[in-house]
Amino acid sequence: MSICKSVAWILISFLILLGGLIAPFGDILGTKIGKARFSILKLRPKKTATIITIITGGFISSISIGLLILVSEEFRQRLFVDIPFLQKTLDESKKALIPLQEERKELEGKIIQKEKELNQLKNNIKEFRRGNIVIKRGQILFIAEINNSSNVKLDFIKIYNEADKFVKKIVIPNKKEAKNILLWRPSDITKIETIAAKGGNWILLIKSATNVLKGDNYVFVSPDLLENKLVVKKGDVITSSILGESDLNLKSINLKIKSLLKETRDEIKSKGSQVNEINTNGNFVKKIREFIQENQNIKFKLEVVSLRDSKTVEPIVVEINIYKIAS
């Protein structure tokens, strides 16, 4: 290490000395060319002298770099290996930054969404502090059926009056003389009237557009028109699951049944049902447990079967049957 440092200092001293010797030579050369009125490329002698001086300075730099390349292995390493390597590393780093920038944008989007949710939560807290929430935003307040044979506009008037009367009992039960409190946008009603007038069987859902406190004078609602279609038929197997030997205990059976009923609820939701609960018929847990006790060391199949035809807003009633699977 000390030898390398000595060589470096010798090299630096030599370059300083060399520069000191060549610089006056360049200056003298430029002066003589100027006095001699020498011209290159038809330039004025003064400009020619300036160019000669510049060339001399470049010559000094070239010799300095050449000597560094010739004498210093470290300088050669830095110049011909490290710089291209650093450039390549820089390019790779820029490419690696692209997915990070995209991830940053996605993260910023999530942060903005969470801020909105936080602001909404703050507003809900303020409402809770200010009074009692009797209706939550998005809550279904009223359900009505619209037939293709009826007068749509008259149906709307009747539905509105019944829904308004129902909501009054919740929000302002002590103000019997209060006027209508339901408010909805005329454009929503026009749109629904246009669709319903084309015919078919429809279900009108009236949902609350905001949280409503007890005693509020107005309730903003948004109507939603859904096709009143058949979701499940009587005897349909909605979902099913297999019970293996490891499931033949009370805890596993109960968990399997809960999971199966959840899958059933999700399935009927995907088919357009608006009900939130599944009604079960009979003590199927006891029946399943007794069946398994009588039939050991075999596989079983559980099936959730519909006990009735159910449309969009009609209750879903099911029973759970168990069958042996031949091994």
C-alpha atoms as a PDB file:
ATOM      1  CA  MET A   1       0.000   0.000   0.000  1.00  0.00           C
ATOM      2  CA  SER A   2       2.856   2.417   0.893  1.00  0.00           C
ATOM      3  CA  ILE A   3       4.589   1.601  -2.424  1.00  0.00           C
ATOM      4  CA  CYS A   4       1.370   2.442  -4.354  1.00  0.00           C
ATOM      5  CA  LYS A   5       1.103   5.734  -2.502  1.00  0.00           C
ATOM      6  CA  SER A   6       4.770   6.567  -3.281  1.00  0.00           C
ATOM      7  CA  VAL A   7       4.235   5.795  -6.975  1.00  0.00           C
ATOM      8  CA  ALA A   8       1.110   7.957  -6.984  1.00  0.00           C
ATOM      9  CA  TRP A   9       2.939  10.893  -5.450  1.00  0.00           C
ATOM     10  CA  ILE A  10       5.839  10.512  -7.894  1.00  0.00           C
ATOM     11  CA  LEU A  11       3.362  10.416 -10.788  1.00  0.00           C
ATOM     12  CA  ILE A  12       1.547  13.506  -9.554  1.00  0.00           C
ATOM     13  CA  SER A  13       4.839  15.376  -9.095  1.00  0.00           C
ATOM     14  CA  PHE A  14       5.930  14.361 -12.594  1.00  0.00           C
ATOM     15  CA  LEU A  15       2.649  15.558 -14.142  1.00  0.00           C
ATOM     16  CA  ILE A  16       2.914  18.912 -12.358  1.00  0.00           C
ATOM     17  CA  LEU A  17       6.507  19.301 -13.555  1.00  0.00           C
ATOM     18  CA  LEU A  18       5.604  18.262 -17.084  1.00  0.00           C
ATOM     19  CA  GLY A  19       2.677  20.676 -17.174  1.00  0.00           C
ATOM     20  CA  GLY A  20       4.926  23.448 -15.877  1.00  0.00           C
ATOM     21  CA  LEU A  21       7.489  22.781 -18.632  1.00  0.00           C
ATOM     22  CA  ILE A  22       5.041  22.423 -21.530  1.00  0.00           C
ATOM     23  CA  ALA A  23       2.852  25.403 -20.584  1.00  0.00           C
ATOM     24  CA  PRO A  24       5.614  28.056 -21.080  1.00  0.00           C
ATOM     25  CA  PHE A  25       6.624  26.260 -24.265  1.00  0.00           C
ATOM     26  CA  GLY A  26       3.072  26.626 -25.583  1.00  0.00           C
ATOM     27  CA  ASP A  27       2.969  30.266 -24.583  1.00  0.00           C
ATOM     28  CA  ILE A  28       6.355  31.005 -26.230  1.00  0.00           C
ATOM     29  CA  LEU A  29       5.273  29.101 -29.341  1.00  0.00           C
ATOM     30  CA  GLY A  30       2.042  31.078 -29.540  1.00  0.00           C
ATOM     31  CA  THR A  31       3.923  34.382 -29.096  1.00  0.00           C
ATOM     32  CA  LYS A  32       6.441  33.576 -31.801  1.00  0.00           C
ATOM     33  CA  ILE A  33       3.714  32.514 -34.221  1.00  0.00           C
ATOM     34  CA  GLY A  34       1.911  35.768 -33.493  1.00  0.00           C
ATOM     35  CA  LYS A  35       5.025  37.869 -34.148  1.00  0.00           C
ATOM     36  CA  ALA A  36       5.816  35.877 -37.260  1.00  0.00           C
ATOM     37  CA  ARG A  37       2.380  36.732 -38.604  1.00  0.00           C
ATOM     38  CA  PHE A  38       1.850  33.013 -39.305  1.00  0.00           C
ATOM     39  CA  SER A  39      -1.639  32.073 -40.497  1.00  0.00           C
ATOM     40  CA  ILE A  40      -3.533  28.765 -40.562  1.00  0.00           C
ATOM     41  CA  LEU A  41      -6.580  28.291 -42.807  1.00  0.00           C
ATOM     42  CA  LYS A  42      -6.470  31.991 -43.672  1.00  0.00           C
ATOM     43  CA  LEU A  43      -7.124  32.972 -40.058  1.00  0.00           C
ATOM     44  CA  ARG A  44      -5.693  36.123 -38.555  1.00  0.00           C
ATOM     45  CA  PRO A  45      -2.268  35.623 -36.877  1.00  0.00           C
ATOM     46  CA  LYS A  46      -3.698  36.452 -33.444  1.00  0.00           C
ATOM     47  CA  LYS A  47      -6.395  33.752 -33.760  1.00  0.00           C
ATOM     48  CA  THR A  48      -3.810  31.329 -35.147  1.00  0.00           C
ATOM     49  CA  ALA A  49      -1.669  31.889 -32.039  1.00  0.00           C
ATOM     50  CA  THR A  50      -4.708  31.263 -29.820  1.00  0.00           C
ATOM     51  CA  ILE A  51      -5.432  27.979 -31.624  1.00  0.00           C
ATOM     52  CA  ILE A  52      -1.804  26.859 -31.237  1.00  0.00           C
ATOM     53  CA  THR A  53      -2.009  27.615 -27.502  1.00  0.00           C
ATOM     54  CA  ILE A  54      -5.251  25.584 -27.189  1.00  0.00           C
ATOM     55  CA  ILE A  55      -3.680  22.670 -29.079  1.00  0.00           C
ATOM     56  CA  THR A  56      -0.706  22.809 -26.723  1.00  0.00           C
ATOM     57  CA  GLY A  57      -3.042  22.667 -23.701  1.00  0.00           C
ATOM     58  CA  GLY A  58      -4.843  19.677 -25.200  1.00  0.00           C
ATOM     59  CA  PHE A  59      -1.467  18.052 -25.827  1.00  0.00           C
ATOM     60  CA  ILE A  60      -0.618  18.488 -22.139  1.00  0.00           C
ATOM     61  CA  SER A  61      -3.919  16.861 -21.105  1.00  0.00           C
ATOM     62  CA  SER A  62      -3.441  13.984 -23.566  1.00  0.00           C
ATOM     63  CA  ILE A  63       0.041  13.279 -22.291  1.00  0.00           C
ATOM     64  CA  SER A  64      -1.221  13.408 -18.691  1.00  0.00           C
ATOM     65  CA  ILE A  65      -4.030  10.923 -19.373  1.00  0.00           C
ATOM     66  CA  GLY A  66      -1.730   8.711 -21.440  1.00  0.00           C
ATOM     67  CA  LEU A  67       0.804   8.565 -18.651  1.00  0.00           C
ATOM     68  CA  LEU A  68      -1.900   7.783 -16.114  1.00  0.00           C
ATOM     69  CA  ILE A  69      -3.173   4.940 -18.294  1.00  0.00           C
ATOM     70  CA  LEU A  70       0.346   3.640 -18.861  1.00  0.00           C
ATOM     71  CA  VAL A  71       1.587   3.858 -15.285  1.00  0.00           C
ATOM     72  CA  SER A  72      -1.530   3.415 -13.079  1.00  0.00           C
ATOM     73  CA  GLU A  73      -3.313   0.071 -13.210  1.00  0.00           C
ATOM     74  CA  GLU A  74      -5.980   1.435 -10.825  1.00  0.00           C
ATOM     75  CA  PHE A  75      -6.724   4.320 -13.220  1.00  0.00           C
ATOM     76  CA  ARG A  76      -7.102   1.864 -16.115  1.00  0.00           C
ATOM     77  CA  GLN A  77      -9.467  -0.219 -13.953  1.00  0.00           C
ATOM     78  CA  ARG A  78     -11.577   2.819 -13.117  1.00  0.00           C
ATOM     79  CA  LEU A  79     -11.668   4.132 -16.694  1.00  0.00           C
ATOM     80  CA  PHE A  80     -12.261   0.995 -18.755  1.00  0.00           C
ATOM     81  CA  VAL A  81     -14.039  -1.346 -16.311  1.00  0.00           C
ATOM     82  CA  ASP A  82     -15.709   0.524 -13.463  1.00  0.00           C
ATOM     83  CA  ILE A  83     -17.327   3.316 -15.525  1.00  0.00           C
ATOM     84  CA  PRO A  84     -19.114   0.959 -18.004  1.00  0.00           C
ATOM     85  CA  PHE A  85     -20.070  -1.252 -15.063  1.00  0.00           C
ATOM     86  CA  LEU A  86     -21.483   1.746 -13.195  1.00  0.00           C
ATOM     87  CA  GLN A  87     -23.409   2.807 -16.307  1.00  0.00           C
ATOM     88  CA  LYS A  88     -24.872  -0.681 -16.662  1.00  0.00           C
ATOM     89  CA  THR A  89     -25.762  -0.724 -12.958  1.00  0.00           C
ATOM     90  CA  LEU A  90     -27.438   2.680 -13.339  1.00  0.00           C
ATOM     91  CA  ASP A  91     -29.535   1.425 -16.279  1.00  0.00           C
ATOM     92  CA  GLU A  92     -30.573  -1.691 -14.339  1.00  0.00           C
ATOM     93  CA  SER A  93     -31.467   0.465 -11.330  1.00  0.00           C
ATOM     94  CA  LYS A  94     -33.698   2.647 -13.523  1.00  0.00           C
ATOM     95  CA  LYS A  95     -35.484  -0.469 -14.824  1.00  0.00           C
ATOM     96  CA  ALA A  96     -35.896  -1.773 -11.268  1.00  0.00           C
ATOM     97  CA  LEU A  97     -37.474   1.546 -10.269  1.00  0.00           C
ATOM     98  CA  ILE A  98     -40.352   1.160 -12.761  1.00  0.00           C
ATOM     99  CA  PRO A  99     -42.304  -1.516 -10.780  1.00  0.00           C
ATOM    100  CA  LEU A 100     -41.513   0.363  -7.568  1.00  0.00           C
ATOM    101  CA  GLN A 101     -43.029   3.524  -9.042  1.00  0.00           C
ATOM    102  CA  GLU A 102     -46.138   1.584 -10.096  1.00  0.00           C
ATOM    103  CA  GLU A 103     -46.349   0.061  -6.617  1.00  0.00           C
ATOM    104  CA  ARG A 104     -46.029   3.560  -5.152  1.00  0.00           C
ATOM    105  CA  LYS A 105     -48.926   4.809  -7.296  1.00  0.00           C
ATOM    106  CA  GLU A 106     -51.042   1.827  -6.219  1.00  0.00           C
ATOM    107  CA  LEU A 107     -50.136   2.473  -2.577  1.00  0.00           C
ATOM    108  CA  GLU A 108     -51.023   6.160  -2.922  1.00  0.00           C
ATOM    109  CA  GLY A 109     -54.408   5.132  -4.376  1.00  0.00           C
ATOM    110  CA  LYS A 110     -55.037   2.855  -1.402  1.00  0.00           C
ATOM    111  CA  ILE A 111     -54.045   5.642   0.986  1.00  0.00           C
ATOM    112  CA  ILE A 112     -56.514   8.023  -0.688  1.00  0.00           C
ATOM    113  CA  GLN A 113     -59.258   5.378  -0.426  1.00  0.00           C
ATOM    114  CA  LYS A 114     -58.475   4.792   3.255  1.00  0.00           C
ATOM    115  CA  GLU A 115     -58.576   8.542   3.882  1.00  0.00           C
ATOM    116  CA  LYS A 116     -62.045   8.676   2.327  1.00  0.00           C
ATOM    117  CA  GLU A 117     -63.176   5.768   4.498  1.00  0.00           C
ATOM    118  CA  LEU A 118     -61.671   7.477   7.555  1.00  0.00           C
ATOM    119  CA  ASN A 119     -63.498  10.725   6.762  1.00  0.00           C
ATOM    120  CA  GLN A 120     -66.732   8.781   6.329  1.00  0.00           C
ATOM    121  CA  LEU A 121     -66.136   7.057   9.660  1.00  0.00           C
ATOM    122  CA  LYS A 122     -65.552  10.443  11.299  1.00  0.00           C
ATOM    123  CA  ASN A 123     -68.834  11.701   9.866  1.00  0.00           C
ATOM    124  CA  ASN A 124     -70.629   8.607  11.155  1.00  0.00           C
ATOM    125  CA  ILE A 125     -69.115   9.158  14.607  1.00  0.00           C
ATOM    126  CA  LYS A 126     -70.309  12.767  14.579  1.00  0.00           C
ATOM    127  CA  GLU A 127     -73.802  11.587  13.700  1.00  0.00           C
ATOM    128  CA  PHE A 128     -73.722   9.005  16.477  1.00  0.00           C
ATOM    129  CA  ARG A 129     -72.729  11.718  18.956  1.00  0.00           C
ATOM    130  CA  ARG A 130     -75.389  14.066  17.668  1.00  0.00           C
ATOM    131  CA  GLY A 131     -78.217  11.580  17.955  1.00  0.00           C
ATOM    132  CA  ASN A 132     -79.455   8.015  17.485  1.00  0.00           C
ATOM    133  CA  ILE A 133     -79.115   6.508  14.021  1.00  0.00           C
ATOM    134  CA  VAL A 134     -82.347   4.683  13.254  1.00  0.00           C
ATOM    135  CA  ILE A 135     -81.642   4.010   9.558  1.00  0.00           C
ATOM    136  CA  LYS A 136     -78.241   3.219   8.070  1.00  0.00           C
ATOM    137  CA  ARG A 137     -77.041   4.224   4.633  1.00  0.00           C
ATOM    138  CA  GLY A 138     -77.834   1.516   2.063  1.00  0.00           C
ATOM    139  CA  GLN A 139     -80.510  -0.058   4.284  1.00  0.00           C
ATOM    140  CA  ILE A 140     -83.526  -1.412   2.407  1.00  0.00           C
ATOM    141  CA  LEU A 141     -86.581   0.468   3.673  1.00  0.00           C
ATOM    142  CA  PHE A 142     -89.318  -0.900   1.475  1.00  0.00           C
ATOM    143  CA  ILE A 143     -89.865  -3.656  -1.092  1.00  0.00           C
ATOM    144  CA  ALA A 144     -92.707  -3.636  -3.595  1.00  0.00           C
ATOM    145  CA  GLU A 145     -93.689  -5.722  -6.603  1.00  0.00           C
ATOM    146  CA  ILE A 146     -94.647  -4.137  -9.933  1.00  0.00           C
ATOM    147  CA  ASN A 147     -96.623  -6.292 -12.379  1.00  0.00           C
ATOM    148  CA  ASN A 148     -96.645  -5.826 -16.125  1.00  0.00           C
ATOM    149  CA  SER A 149    -100.437  -5.549 -16.119  1.00  0.00           C
ATOM    150  CA  SER A 150    -100.589  -2.589 -13.733  1.00  0.00           C
ATOM    151  CA  ASN A 151    -100.385   1.178 -14.219  1.00  0.00           C
ATOM    152  CA  VAL A 152     -96.769   2.010 -13.366  1.00  0.00           C
ATOM    153  CA  LYS A 153     -97.366   5.636 -12.336  1.00  0.00           C
ATOM    154  CA  LEU A 154    -100.279   4.739 -10.072  1.00  0.00           C
ATOM    155  CA  ASP A 155     -98.182   1.942  -8.582  1.00  0.00           C
ATOM    156  CA  PHE A 156     -95.418   4.422  -7.785  1.00  0.00           C
ATOM    157  CA  ILE A 157     -97.808   6.771  -6.008  1.00  0.00           C
ATOM    158  CA  LYS A 158     -99.181   3.913  -3.919  1.00  0.00           C
ATOM    159  CA  ILE A 159     -95.715   2.510  -3.175  1.00  0.00           C
ATOM    160  CA  TYR A 160     -94.407   5.950  -2.218  1.00  0.00           C
ATOM    161  CA  ASN A 161     -97.252   6.581   0.235  1.00  0.00           C
ATOM    162  CA  GLU A 162     -96.855   3.174   1.876  1.00  0.00           C
ATOM    163  CA  ALA A 163     -93.060   3.534   2.112  1.00  0.00           C
ATOM    164  CA  ASP A 164     -93.352   7.072   3.485  1.00  0.00           C
ATOM    165  CA  LYS A 165     -95.821   5.915   6.136  1.00  0.00           C
ATOM    166  CA  PHE A 166     -93.515   3.038   7.128  1.00  0.00           C
ATOM    167  CA  VAL A 167     -90.424   5.285   7.409  1.00  0.00           C
ATOM    168  CA  LYS A 168     -92.311   7.899   9.470  1.00  0.00           C
ATOM    169  CA  LYS A 169     -93.000   5.298  12.139  1.00  0.00           C
ATOM    170  CA  ILE A 170     -89.246   4.734  12.440  1.00  0.00           C
ATOM    171  CA  VAL A 171     -87.922   8.297  12.216  1.00  0.00           C
ATOM    172  CA  ILE A 172     -90.683  10.503  13.669  1.00  0.00           C
ATOM    173  CA  PRO A 173     -93.198   8.183  15.382  1.00  0.00           C
ATOM    174  CA  ASN A 174     -94.703  10.998  17.499  1.00  0.00           C
ATOM    175  CA  LYS A 175     -95.449  13.382  14.603  1.00  0.00           C
ATOM    176  CA  LYS A 176     -98.579  11.951  13.050  1.00  0.00           C
ATOM    177  CA  GLU A 177     -99.375  15.239  11.292  1.00  0.00           C
ATOM    178  CA  ALA A 178     -95.979  15.423   9.546  1.00  0.00           C
ATOM    179  CA  LYS A 179     -95.900  15.731   5.759  1.00  0.00           C
ATOM    180  CA  ASN A 180     -94.110  13.348   3.441  1.00  0.00           C
ATOM    181  CA  ILE A 181     -90.477  12.870   4.461  1.00  0.00           C
ATOM    182  CA  LEU A 182     -89.182  10.592   1.684  1.00  0.00           C
ATOM    183  CA  LEU A 183     -87.122  12.419  -0.940  1.00  0.00           C
ATOM    184  CA  TRP A 184     -85.832  10.888  -4.165  1.00  0.00           C
ATOM    185  CA  ARG A 185     -84.536  12.298  -7.407  1.00  0.00           C
ATOM    186  CA  PRO A 186     -87.138  12.693 -10.165  1.00  0.00           C
ATOM    187  CA  SER A 187     -84.599  11.372 -12.701  1.00  0.00           C
ATOM    188  CA  ASP A 188     -84.445   8.049 -10.818  1.00  0.00           C
ATOM    189  CA  ILE A 189     -88.207   7.661 -10.961  1.00  0.00           C
ATOM    190  CA  THR A 190     -88.349   8.583 -14.662  1.00  0.00           C
ATOM    191  CA  LYS A 191     -85.705   5.971 -15.444  1.00  0.00           C
ATOM    192  CA  ILE A 192     -87.518   3.265 -13.473  1.00  0.00           C
ATOM    193  CA  GLU A 193     -90.900   4.144 -14.997  1.00  0.00           C
ATOM    194  CA  THR A 194     -89.399   3.825 -18.482  1.00  0.00           C
ATOM    195  CA  ILE A 195     -87.974   0.369 -17.743  1.00  0.00           C
ATOM    196  CA  ALA A 196     -91.077  -0.940 -15.961  1.00  0.00           C
ATOM    197  CA  ALA A 197     -93.393   0.327 -18.722  1.00  0.00           C
ATOM    198  CA  LYS A 198     -91.781  -2.111 -21.185  1.00  0.00           C
ATOM    199  CA  GLY A 199     -93.408  -5.004 -19.347  1.00  0.00           C
ATOM    200  CA  GLY A 200     -92.267  -7.853 -17.147  1.00  0.00           C
ATOM    201  CA  ASN A 201     -92.333  -8.522 -13.431  1.00  0.00           C
ATOM    202  CA  TRP A 202     -90.182  -6.253 -11.300  1.00  0.00           C
ATOM    203  CA  ILE A 203     -89.192  -5.666  -7.706  1.00  0.00           C
ATOM    204  CA  LEU A 204     -88.706  -2.093  -6.480  1.00  0.00           C
ATOM    205  CA  LEU A 205     -86.231  -1.683  -3.632  1.00  0.00           C
ATOM    206  CA  ILE A 206     -86.207   1.637  -1.787  1.00  0.00           C
ATOM    207  CA  LYS A 207     -82.858   2.152  -0.026  1.00  0.00           C
ATOM    208  CA  SER A 208     -81.688   4.915   2.269  1.00  0.00           C
ATOM    209  CA  ALA A 209     -79.057   7.164   0.645  1.00  0.00           C
ATOM    210  CA  THR A 210     -77.690   8.409   3.996  1.00  0.00           C
ATOM    211  CA  ASN A 211     -77.642   7.608   7.698  1.00  0.00           C
ATOM    212  CA  VAL A 212     -80.840   8.882   9.300  1.00  0.00           C
ATOM    213  CA  LEU A 213     -81.186  10.096  12.871  1.00  0.00           C
ATOM    214  CA  LYS A 214     -84.292   9.820  14.963  1.00  0.00           C
ATOM    215  CA  GLY A 215     -86.270  13.033  14.567  1.00  0.00           C
ATOM    216  CA  ASP A 216     -84.896  13.987  11.126  1.00  0.00           C
ATOM    217  CA  ASN A 217     -87.429  15.748   8.913  1.00  0.00           C
ATOM    218  CA  TYR A 218     -86.295  14.201   5.634  1.00  0.00           C
ATOM    219  CA  VAL A 219     -84.992  10.844   4.447  1.00  0.00           C
ATOM    220  CA  PHE A 220     -83.131  10.756   1.136  1.00  0.00           C
ATOM    221  CA  VAL A 221     -83.654   7.475  -0.696  1.00  0.00           C
ATOM    222  CA  SER A 222     -82.549   5.814  -3.929  1.00  0.00           C
ATOM    223  CA  PRO A 223     -84.902   3.380  -5.706  1.00  0.00           C
ATOM    224  CA  ASP A 224     -83.548   0.282  -7.422  1.00  0.00           C
ATOM    225  CA  LEU A 225     -85.516  -1.811  -9.922  1.00  0.00           C
ATOM    226  CA  LEU A 226     -84.734  -5.543 -10.138  1.00  0.00           C
ATOM    227  CA  GLU A 227     -86.206  -8.263 -12.291  1.00  0.00           C
ATOM    228  CA  ASN A 228     -88.495 -10.486 -10.237  1.00  0.00           C
ATOM    229  CA  LYS A 229     -87.072 -13.783 -11.434  1.00  0.00           C
ATOM    230  CA  LEU A 230     -86.991 -17.326 -10.116  1.00  0.00           C
ATOM    231  CA  VAL A 231     -83.782 -17.815  -8.129  1.00  0.00           C
ATOM    232  CA  VAL A 232     -84.175 -21.475  -7.051  1.00  0.00           C
ATOM    233  CA  LYS A 233     -86.752 -24.173  -7.721  1.00  0.00           C
ATOM    234  CA  LYS A 234     -88.146 -26.673  -5.264  1.00  0.00           C
ATOM    235  CA  GLY A 235     -85.814 -29.666  -5.103  1.00  0.00           C
ATOM    236  CA  ASP A 236     -82.768 -27.812  -6.461  1.00  0.00           C
ATOM    237  CA  VAL A 237     -79.440 -28.814  -4.898  1.00  0.00           C
ATOM    238  CA  ILE A 238     -77.900 -25.405  -4.213  1.00  0.00           C
ATOM    239  CA  THR A 239     -74.562 -26.524  -2.713  1.00  0.00           C
ATOM    240  CA  SER A 240     -72.944 -29.755  -1.551  1.00  0.00           C
ATOM    241  CA  SER A 241     -69.872 -30.959   0.346  1.00  0.00           C
ATOM    242  CA  ILE A 242     -68.039 -34.210   1.090  1.00  0.00           C
ATOM    243  CA  LEU A 243     -67.409 -35.488   4.642  1.00  0.00           C
ATOM    244  CA  GLY A 244     -64.291 -37.630   5.055  1.00  0.00           C
ATOM    245  CA  GLU A 245     -63.211 -39.818   7.958  1.00  0.00           C
ATOM    246  CA  SER A 246     -61.450 -36.865   9.615  1.00  0.00           C
ATOM    247  CA  ASP A 247     -64.748 -34.936   9.687  1.00  0.00           C
ATOM    248  CA  LEU A 248     -66.757 -37.506  11.620  1.00  0.00           C
ATOM    249  CA  ASN A 249     -66.978 -35.613  14.911  1.00  0.00           C
ATOM    250  CA  LEU A 250     -69.499 -33.105  16.230  1.00  0.00           C
ATOM    251  CA  LYS A 251     -67.199 -30.067  15.990  1.00  0.00           C
ATOM    252  CA  SER A 252     -66.165 -30.790  12.406  1.00  0.00           C
ATOM    253  CA  ILE A 253     -69.760 -31.469  11.373  1.00  0.00           C
ATOM    254  CA  ASN A 254     -70.976 -28.163  12.836  1.00  0.00           C
ATOM    255  CA  LEU A 255     -68.161 -26.246  11.093  1.00  0.00           C
ATOM    256  CA  LYS A 256     -68.911 -28.011   7.814  1.00  0.00           C
ATOM    257  CA  ILE A 257     -72.616 -27.156   8.054  1.00  0.00           C
ATOM    258  CA  LYS A 258     -71.890 -23.481   8.834  1.00  0.00           C
ATOM    259  CA  SER A 259     -69.506 -23.296   5.900  1.00  0.00           C
ATOM    260  CA  LEU A 260     -72.059 -24.970   3.643  1.00  0.00           C
ATOM    261  CA  LEU A 261     -74.827 -22.535   4.622  1.00  0.00           C
ATOM    262  CA  LYS A 262     -72.485 -19.601   4.003  1.00  0.00           C
ATOM    263  CA  GLU A 263     -71.687 -20.969   0.542  1.00  0.00           C
ATOM    264  CA  THR A 264     -75.420 -21.363  -0.056  1.00  0.00           C
ATOM    265  CA  ARG A 265     -76.078 -17.736   0.870  1.00  0.00           C
ATOM    266  CA  ASP A 266     -73.301 -16.592  -1.461  1.00  0.00           C
ATOM    267  CA  GLU A 267     -74.659 -18.775  -4.246  1.00  0.00           C
ATOM    268  CA  ILE A 268     -78.207 -17.422  -4.084  1.00  0.00           C
ATOM    269  CA  LYS A 269     -76.831 -13.869  -3.872  1.00  0.00           C
ATOM    270  CA  SER A 270     -74.925 -14.489  -7.096  1.00  0.00           C
ATOM    271  CA  LYS A 271     -78.203 -15.611  -8.711  1.00  0.00           C
ATOM    272  CA  GLY A 272     -79.943 -12.347  -7.771  1.00  0.00           C
ATOM    273  CA  SER A 273     -81.629 -13.103  -4.446  1.00  0.00           C
ATOM    274  CA  GLN A 274     -81.987 -10.116  -2.088  1.00  0.00           C
ATOM    275  CA  VAL A 275     -82.499 -12.103   1.119  1.00  0.00           C
ATOM    276  CA  ASN A 276     -79.722 -12.106   3.706  1.00  0.00           C
ATOM    277  CA  GLU A 277     -80.607 -15.248   5.670  1.00  0.00           C
ATOM    278  CA  ILE A 278     -81.214 -18.886   4.810  1.00  0.00           C
ATOM    279  CA  ASN A 279     -84.155 -20.544   6.560  1.00  0.00           C
ATOM    280  CA  THR A 280     -83.556 -24.192   7.498  1.00  0.00           C
ATOM    281  CA  ASN A 281     -86.187 -26.826   8.082  1.00  0.00           C
ATOM    282  CA  GLY A 282     -86.019 -29.426  10.871  1.00  0.00           C
ATOM    283  CA  ASN A 283     -83.283 -30.505  13.264  1.00  0.00           C
ATOM    284  CA  PHE A 284     -80.895 -31.600  10.533  1.00  0.00           C
ATOM    285  CA  VAL A 285     -77.829 -31.568  12.844  1.00  0.00           C
ATOM    286  CA  LYS A 286     -79.298 -34.316  15.009  1.00  0.00           C
ATOM    287  CA  LYS A 287     -80.389 -36.270  11.937  1.00  0.00           C
ATOM    288  CA  ILE A 288     -76.909 -36.055  10.404  1.00  0.00           C
ATOM    289  CA  ARG A 289     -75.185 -37.045  13.659  1.00  0.00           C
ATOM    290  CA  GLU A 290     -77.421 -40.109  14.104  1.00  0.00           C
ATOM    291  CA  PHE A 291     -76.910 -41.119  10.470  1.00  0.00           C
ATOM    292  CA  ILE A 292     -73.107 -40.972  10.823  1.00  0.00           C
ATOM    293  CA  GLN A 293     -73.151 -42.990  14.053  1.00  0.00           C
ATOM    294  CA  GLU A 294     -75.027 -45.768  12.256  1.00  0.00           C
ATOM    295  CA  ASN A 295     -72.717 -45.710   9.244  1.00  0.00           C
ATOM    296  CA  GLN A 296     -69.035 -45.614  10.193  1.00  0.00           C
ATOM    297  CA  ASN A 297     -65.818 -45.706   8.155  1.00  0.00           C
ATOM    298  CA  ILE A 298     -67.361 -44.439   4.924  1.00  0.00           C
ATOM    299  CA  LYS A 299     -67.573 -41.114   3.110  1.00  0.00           C
ATOM    300  CA  PHE A 300     -70.682 -38.958   3.172  1.00  0.00           C
ATOM    301  CA  LYS A 301     -72.110 -36.211   1.040  1.00  0.00           C
ATOM    302  CA  LEU A 302     -74.083 -33.252   2.384  1.00  0.00           C
ATOM    303  CA  GLU A 303     -76.550 -31.500   0.080  1.00  0.00           C
ATOM    304  CA  VAL A 304     -78.414 -28.238   0.662  1.00  0.00           C
ATOM    305  CA  VAL A 305     -81.777 -28.659  -1.076  1.00  0.00           C
ATOM    306  CA  SER A 306     -84.397 -25.962  -1.698  1.00  0.00           C
ATOM    307  CA  LEU A 307     -87.833 -26.779  -0.261  1.00  0.00           C
ATOM    308  CA  ARG A 308     -89.742 -24.222  -2.344  1.00  0.00           C
ATOM    309  CA  ASP A 309     -89.663 -22.033  -5.427  1.00  0.00           C
ATOM    310  CA  SER A 310     -88.141 -18.707  -4.431  1.00  0.00           C
ATOM    311  CA  LYS A 311     -87.994 -15.480  -6.428  1.00  0.00           C
ATOM    312  CA  THR A 312     -85.819 -12.379  -5.996  1.00  0.00           C
ATOM    313  CA  VAL A 313     -87.063 -11.209  -2.596  1.00  0.00           C
ATOM    314  CA  GLU A 314     -88.794 -14.348  -1.363  1.00  0.00           C
ATOM    315  CA  PRO A 315     -87.359 -16.363   1.566  1.00  0.00           C
ATOM    316  CA  ILE A 316     -85.002 -19.229   0.779  1.00  0.00           C
ATOM    317  CA  VAL A 317     -86.040 -22.359   2.730  1.00  0.00           C
ATOM    318  CA  VAL A 318     -83.705 -25.358   2.651  1.00  0.00           C
ATOM    319  CA  GLU A 319     -82.987 -28.668   4.258  1.00  0.00           C
ATOM    320  CA  ILE A 320     -79.667 -30.489   4.505  1.00  0.00           C
ATOM    321  CA  ASN A 321     -79.634 -34.117   3.445  1.00  0.00           C
ATOM    322  CA  ILE A 322     -76.853 -36.662   3.953  1.00  0.00           C
ATOM    323  CA  TYR A 323     -75.979 -39.591   1.698  1.00  0.00           C
ATOM    324  CA  LYS A 324     -73.447 -42.389   1.741  1.00  0.00           C
ATOM    325  CA  ILE A 325     -70.816 -42.421  -0.982  1.00  0.00           C
ATOM    326  CA  ALA A 326     -69.821 -45.804  -2.299  1.00  0.00           C
ATOM    327  CA  SER A 327     -66.094 -46.415  -1.828  1.00  0.00           C
END
